[in-house]
C-alpha cells in the first residue's frame, strides 16, 4: 500500500490537480477548470481515435502472428523450447528506442525490404514504407510482440496433452480438437496477451514519432509535446486522464464480453 501510495496515488493526485488548472507557464492556477477536458477532446479527438485504432490493429497482428508461434513452441519445439523463448525475449536486451530506430533502416527507401517490394511490383517506383501508417503499426507490433507471445505460450504449455488424446479417442479431428479443447483452454492467455499489448500500445508515442509523420501522430505524441515542448501542463494532464479513462472503459467492455473469469485468470 505504501508503494502504491508513493508511486501511483500521489503522482495521480498531482496530475489530477494539474488537469484542473488554468493559465500560462509558469503561472498556473487551480481554478477547477473542467473545460480543459472538453477542450482536449474536441481538439485532439482524431489522435485519440487513431491511437486506439493503431493499438487495436497491432494487438490483432500480434495475436495472429503470436498464437501459431506459441503453439508450435509449446507442442512441437521439444527440448528447444527455451532457446526459442529466448529468441522472443532477446530484443528486450536492447532499449526500446534502439529497437524502434532499427526499423528506420529496415523500412528505408533504399533498404532491402522496399527494394524487393519494388522488384516484385508490390510498390511503385516511388513507393515507400517509411513515414506511413504501415510503418507505425509495424513498429508497435514488433515492440509489443513478446507481451502477446509469452502469455500465449504459458497458457498453451499448461494444457494437458491427455485432453487432446481424449478428444481424438472420441473421434474428433485435429481441427475439432483445436477448436473444442486447445482454443478454449488457451483463452486466458489470449485475454492476458491482448491486455498487455493493447494498453501500452494505445499510449505509445515513440513509433509514431520516428516511423511516421504528423499525419500518424497518436495521443501519446500530443501529451509528450504538451508536457515537454509547449509546456501546456493542464491540457497534457487532462489528455492523460482522458486516455486512462477510455482505456478503463474499453477494459470494462472487454471484461463484459470475454467474462471476468478469463480476465482475472
Protein backbone atom coordinates (compact mmCIF):
# COMPACT_ATOMS: atom_id res chain seq x y z
CA UNK A 1 0.00 0.00 0.00
CA UNK A 2 2.87 2.35 0.79
CA UNK A 3 4.46 1.54 -2.57
CA UNK A 4 1.20 2.26 -4.41
CA UNK A 5 0.67 5.47 -2.45
CA UNK A 6 4.12 6.86 -3.22
CA UNK A 7 4.47 5.80 -6.84
CA UNK A 8 0.84 5.77 -8.01
CA UNK A 9 -1.70 7.61 -5.88
CA UNK A 10 0.39 10.71 -5.11
CA UNK A 11 1.51 11.21 -8.75
CA UNK A 12 -2.05 10.60 -9.96
CA UNK A 13 -3.38 13.12 -7.47
CA UNK A 14 -0.85 15.71 -8.60
CA UNK A 15 -1.74 15.01 -12.23
CA UNK A 16 -5.44 15.48 -11.42
CA UNK A 17 -4.59 18.75 -9.70
CA UNK A 18 -2.73 19.92 -12.81
CA UNK A 19 -5.57 18.92 -15.12
CA UNK A 20 -7.88 21.41 -13.38
CA UNK A 21 -5.50 24.36 -13.57
CA UNK A 22 -5.59 27.30 -15.96
CA UNK A 23 -3.13 29.94 -17.08
CA UNK A 24 0.18 30.02 -18.92
CA UNK A 25 3.55 28.55 -17.93
CA UNK A 26 4.84 29.05 -15.29
CA UNK A 27 1.85 30.81 -13.75
CA UNK A 28 -0.78 28.09 -13.46
CA UNK A 29 -3.64 28.48 -11.00
CA UNK A 30 -6.07 25.89 -9.67
CA UNK A 31 -9.49 27.04 -10.88
CA UNK A 32 -11.49 23.80 -11.21
CA UNK A 33 -11.09 24.17 -14.97
CA UNK A 34 -13.15 21.17 -16.08
CA UNK A 35 -13.32 22.82 -19.50
CA UNK A 36 -9.78 21.50 -20.06
CA UNK A 37 -11.26 18.04 -20.64
CA UNK A 38 -13.86 19.10 -23.19
CA UNK A 39 -11.32 21.29 -24.98
CA UNK A 40 -8.82 18.43 -25.06
CA UNK A 41 -11.37 16.03 -26.54
CA UNK A 42 -12.59 18.49 -29.18
CA UNK A 43 -9.06 19.49 -30.13
CA UNK A 44 -7.42 16.06 -30.24
CA UNK A 45 -10.18 13.52 -30.81
CA UNK A 46 -8.50 12.50 -34.11
CA UNK A 47 -5.33 11.45 -32.30
CA UNK A 48 -7.36 9.63 -29.66
CA UNK A 49 -9.24 7.59 -32.25
CA UNK A 50 -6.03 6.94 -34.18
CA UNK A 51 -4.27 5.69 -31.03
CA UNK A 52 -6.98 3.13 -30.32
CA UNK A 53 -7.12 2.12 -33.99
CA UNK A 54 -3.36 1.60 -34.28
CA UNK A 55 -3.24 -0.23 -30.94
CA UNK A 56 -6.13 -2.46 -31.98
CA UNK A 57 -4.56 -3.35 -35.32
CA UNK A 58 -1.18 -4.02 -33.68
CA UNK A 59 -2.80 -6.19 -31.00
CA UNK A 60 -4.65 -8.22 -33.62
CA UNK A 61 -1.45 -8.59 -35.66
CA UNK A 62 0.44 -9.76 -32.56
CA UNK A 63 -2.28 -12.33 -31.87
CA UNK A 64 -2.31 -13.64 -35.45
CA UNK A 65 1.48 -13.92 -35.51
CA UNK A 66 2.00 -14.94 -31.90
CA UNK A 67 -0.56 -17.73 -31.50
CA UNK A 68 0.89 -20.09 -34.15
CA UNK A 69 4.40 -19.40 -32.86
CA UNK A 70 3.46 -20.00 -29.22
CA UNK A 71 1.51 -23.13 -30.24
CA UNK A 72 4.49 -24.53 -32.13
CA UNK A 73 6.91 -23.82 -29.27
CA UNK A 74 4.55 -25.35 -26.69
CA UNK A 75 3.73 -28.54 -28.62
CA UNK A 76 6.42 -29.04 -31.27
CA UNK A 77 9.69 -27.43 -30.15
CA UNK A 78 10.56 -30.18 -27.67
CA UNK A 79 13.94 -29.65 -25.98
CA UNK A 80 14.47 -26.43 -27.98
CA UNK A 81 11.66 -24.58 -26.20
CA UNK A 82 13.87 -22.44 -24.02
CA UNK A 83 16.02 -21.40 -26.97
CA UNK A 84 13.01 -20.22 -28.99
CA UNK A 85 11.61 -18.40 -25.96
CA UNK A 86 14.97 -16.70 -25.64
CA UNK A 87 14.68 -15.57 -29.26
CA UNK A 88 11.33 -13.93 -28.42
CA UNK A 89 12.71 -12.15 -25.36
CA UNK A 90 16.13 -11.29 -26.88
CA UNK A 91 15.02 -7.95 -28.42
CA UNK A 92 14.31 -6.71 -24.89
CA UNK A 93 18.03 -6.85 -24.22
CA UNK A 94 18.18 -3.72 -26.40
CA UNK A 95 16.47 -0.48 -25.38
CA UNK A 96 13.04 0.36 -26.78
CA UNK A 97 14.39 3.40 -28.62
CA UNK A 98 17.16 1.48 -30.37
CA UNK A 99 14.73 -1.24 -31.45
CA UNK A 100 12.48 1.40 -32.99
CA UNK A 101 15.35 3.19 -34.72
CA UNK A 102 16.39 -0.12 -36.27
CA UNK A 103 13.13 -0.03 -38.25
CA UNK A 104 14.31 3.20 -39.88
CA UNK A 105 16.95 1.11 -41.65
CA UNK A 106 14.67 -1.87 -42.27
CA UNK A 107 11.98 0.26 -43.94
CA UNK A 108 14.28 2.86 -45.50
CA UNK A 109 13.52 3.90 -49.09
CA UNK A 110 16.81 2.38 -50.28
CA UNK A 111 16.65 -0.59 -47.94
CA UNK A 112 16.31 -4.26 -48.93
CA UNK A 113 12.62 -4.58 -47.99
CA UNK A 114 11.48 -1.68 -50.18
CA UNK A 115 13.82 -2.79 -52.98
CA UNK A 116 12.33 -6.29 -53.03
CA UNK A 117 8.77 -4.99 -52.92
CA UNK A 118 9.54 -2.68 -55.84
CA UNK A 119 11.13 -5.52 -57.80
CA UNK A 120 8.01 -7.68 -57.45
CA UNK A 121 5.82 -4.63 -58.19
CA UNK A 122 4.04 -4.54 -54.85
CA UNK A 123 5.36 -0.98 -54.54
CA UNK A 124 5.63 1.57 -57.31
CA UNK A 125 8.97 3.10 -58.36
CA UNK A 126 8.45 5.91 -55.86
CA UNK A 127 6.56 3.83 -53.31
CA UNK A 128 7.75 3.79 -49.73
CA UNK A 129 7.02 2.16 -46.39
CA UNK A 130 8.69 4.62 -44.05
CA UNK A 131 6.60 7.55 -42.79
CA UNK A 132 3.36 5.64 -43.34
CA UNK A 133 0.68 4.07 -41.16
CA UNK A 134 2.11 0.66 -42.07
CA UNK A 135 5.49 1.62 -40.61
CA UNK A 136 4.00 2.88 -37.35
CA UNK A 137 1.77 -0.17 -36.84
CA UNK A 138 4.65 -2.48 -37.77
CA UNK A 139 6.88 -0.84 -35.18
CA UNK A 140 4.22 -1.12 -32.48
CA UNK A 141 3.57 -4.76 -33.39
CA UNK A 142 7.27 -5.62 -33.25
CA UNK A 143 7.94 -3.82 -29.98
CA UNK A 144 4.99 -5.31 -28.11
CA UNK A 145 5.02 -8.78 -29.68
CA UNK A 146 6.62 -10.53 -26.65
CA UNK A 147 3.80 -9.25 -24.43
CA UNK A 148 1.44 -11.31 -26.57
CA UNK A 149 3.57 -14.35 -27.32
CA UNK A 150 4.72 -15.14 -23.77
CA UNK A 151 1.25 -15.26 -22.10
CA UNK A 152 0.03 -17.36 -25.01
CA UNK A 153 2.90 -19.78 -24.55
CA UNK A 154 2.31 -20.06 -20.79
CA UNK A 155 -1.38 -20.77 -21.36
CA UNK A 156 -0.74 -23.34 -24.09
CA UNK A 157 2.12 -25.04 -22.27
CA UNK A 158 -0.13 -25.77 -19.29
CA UNK A 159 -2.67 -27.70 -21.38
CA UNK A 160 -2.61 -31.41 -20.51
CA UNK A 161 -1.82 -33.32 -23.71
CA UNK A 162 -4.03 -36.17 -22.49
CA UNK A 163 -7.06 -33.95 -23.11
CA UNK A 164 -6.15 -33.77 -26.79
CA UNK A 165 -5.66 -37.53 -26.87
CA UNK A 166 -9.07 -38.00 -25.28
CA UNK A 167 -10.64 -35.73 -27.88
CA UNK A 168 -9.15 -37.81 -30.69
CA UNK A 169 -10.29 -41.01 -28.97
CA UNK A 170 -13.78 -39.53 -29.18
CA UNK A 171 -13.35 -39.21 -32.97
CA UNK A 172 -12.51 -35.51 -33.05
CA UNK A 173 -10.38 -34.36 -35.97
CA UNK A 174 -7.29 -32.25 -35.34
CA UNK A 175 -9.28 -29.12 -36.22
CA UNK A 176 -12.14 -30.07 -33.92
CA UNK A 177 -9.75 -30.88 -31.08
CA UNK A 178 -8.12 -27.48 -31.51
CA UNK A 179 -11.42 -25.58 -31.61
CA UNK A 180 -13.10 -27.52 -28.78
CA UNK A 181 -10.14 -28.11 -26.45
CA UNK A 182 -6.99 -26.12 -27.18
CA UNK A 183 -8.52 -22.77 -28.07
CA UNK A 184 -10.89 -22.54 -25.07
CA UNK A 185 -8.18 -23.62 -22.63
CA UNK A 186 -5.79 -21.02 -24.04
CA UNK A 187 -8.37 -18.22 -23.72
CA UNK A 188 -6.80 -16.80 -20.50
CA UNK A 189 -3.52 -16.37 -22.39
CA UNK A 190 -5.31 -14.62 -25.24
CA UNK A 191 -7.02 -12.26 -22.81
CA UNK A 192 -3.81 -11.53 -20.91
CA UNK A 193 -1.83 -11.04 -24.13
CA UNK A 194 -4.34 -8.65 -25.66
CA UNK A 195 -4.46 -6.56 -22.49
CA UNK A 196 -0.68 -6.45 -22.06
CA UNK A 197 -0.31 -5.44 -25.71
CA UNK A 198 -3.21 -3.04 -26.24
CA UNK A 199 -2.90 -0.92 -23.08
CA UNK A 200 0.73 0.25 -23.53
CA UNK A 201 0.34 0.40 -27.34
CA UNK A 202 -2.52 2.91 -27.02
CA UNK A 203 -0.25 5.32 -25.16
CA UNK A 204 2.86 4.78 -27.26
CA UNK A 205 4.49 7.75 -28.99
CA UNK A 206 7.98 6.57 -29.94
CA UNK A 207 6.94 4.59 -33.03
CA UNK A 208 4.74 7.36 -34.42
CA UNK A 209 7.48 9.92 -33.79
CA UNK A 210 10.27 8.08 -35.58
CA UNK A 211 8.45 5.93 -38.14
CA UNK A 212 5.55 8.22 -39.04
CA UNK A 213 4.67 11.80 -39.91
CA UNK A 214 2.34 14.34 -38.24
CA UNK A 215 -0.45 12.51 -40.09
CA UNK A 216 0.26 9.43 -37.96
CA UNK A 217 0.53 11.22 -34.62
CA UNK A 218 -1.01 9.35 -31.69
CA UNK A 219 -2.32 10.82 -28.47
CA UNK A 220 0.96 9.94 -26.75
CA UNK A 221 2.76 12.30 -29.13
CA UNK A 222 0.36 15.11 -28.21
CA UNK A 223 0.80 14.51 -24.47
CA UNK A 224 4.57 14.36 -24.81
CA UNK A 225 4.65 17.60 -26.84
CA UNK A 226 2.30 19.40 -24.44
CA UNK A 227 4.40 18.44 -21.42
CA UNK A 228 7.89 18.97 -22.83
CA UNK A 229 7.59 21.42 -25.73
CA UNK A 230 4.64 23.79 -25.37
CA UNK A 231 4.62 23.42 -21.55
CA UNK A 232 0.83 23.27 -21.51
CA UNK A 233 0.59 21.10 -18.40
CA UNK A 234 -3.20 21.35 -17.81
CA UNK A 235 -4.04 20.13 -21.32
CA UNK A 236 -1.42 17.38 -21.14
CA UNK A 237 -2.70 16.21 -17.76
CA UNK A 238 -6.34 16.23 -18.89
CA UNK A 239 -5.42 14.26 -22.03
CA UNK A 240 -3.63 11.72 -19.84
CA UNK A 241 -6.75 11.24 -17.72
CA UNK A 242 -8.95 11.02 -20.81
CA UNK A 243 -6.69 8.30 -22.23
CA UNK A 244 -6.73 6.37 -18.96
CA UNK A 245 -10.50 6.73 -18.71
CA UNK A 246 -11.09 5.48 -22.24
CA UNK A 247 -8.78 2.52 -21.66
CA UNK A 248 -10.67 1.67 -18.46
CA UNK A 249 -13.99 1.82 -20.33
CA UNK A 250 -12.59 -0.41 -23.08
CA UNK A 251 -11.30 -2.80 -20.40
CA UNK A 252 -14.72 -2.99 -18.73
CA UNK A 253 -16.42 -3.66 -22.06
CA UNK A 254 -13.82 -6.30 -22.88
CA UNK A 255 -14.32 -7.92 -19.47
CA UNK A 256 -18.06 -8.00 -20.06
CA UNK A 257 -17.59 -9.69 -23.43
CA UNK A 258 -14.98 -12.32 -22.50
CA UNK A 259 -16.08 -12.79 -18.90
CA UNK A 260 -14.36 -11.75 -15.72
CA UNK A 261 -13.07 -15.27 -15.02
CA UNK A 262 -10.91 -15.21 -18.16
CA UNK A 263 -9.86 -11.66 -17.40
CA UNK A 264 -8.66 -12.45 -13.89
CA UNK A 265 -7.37 -15.94 -14.71
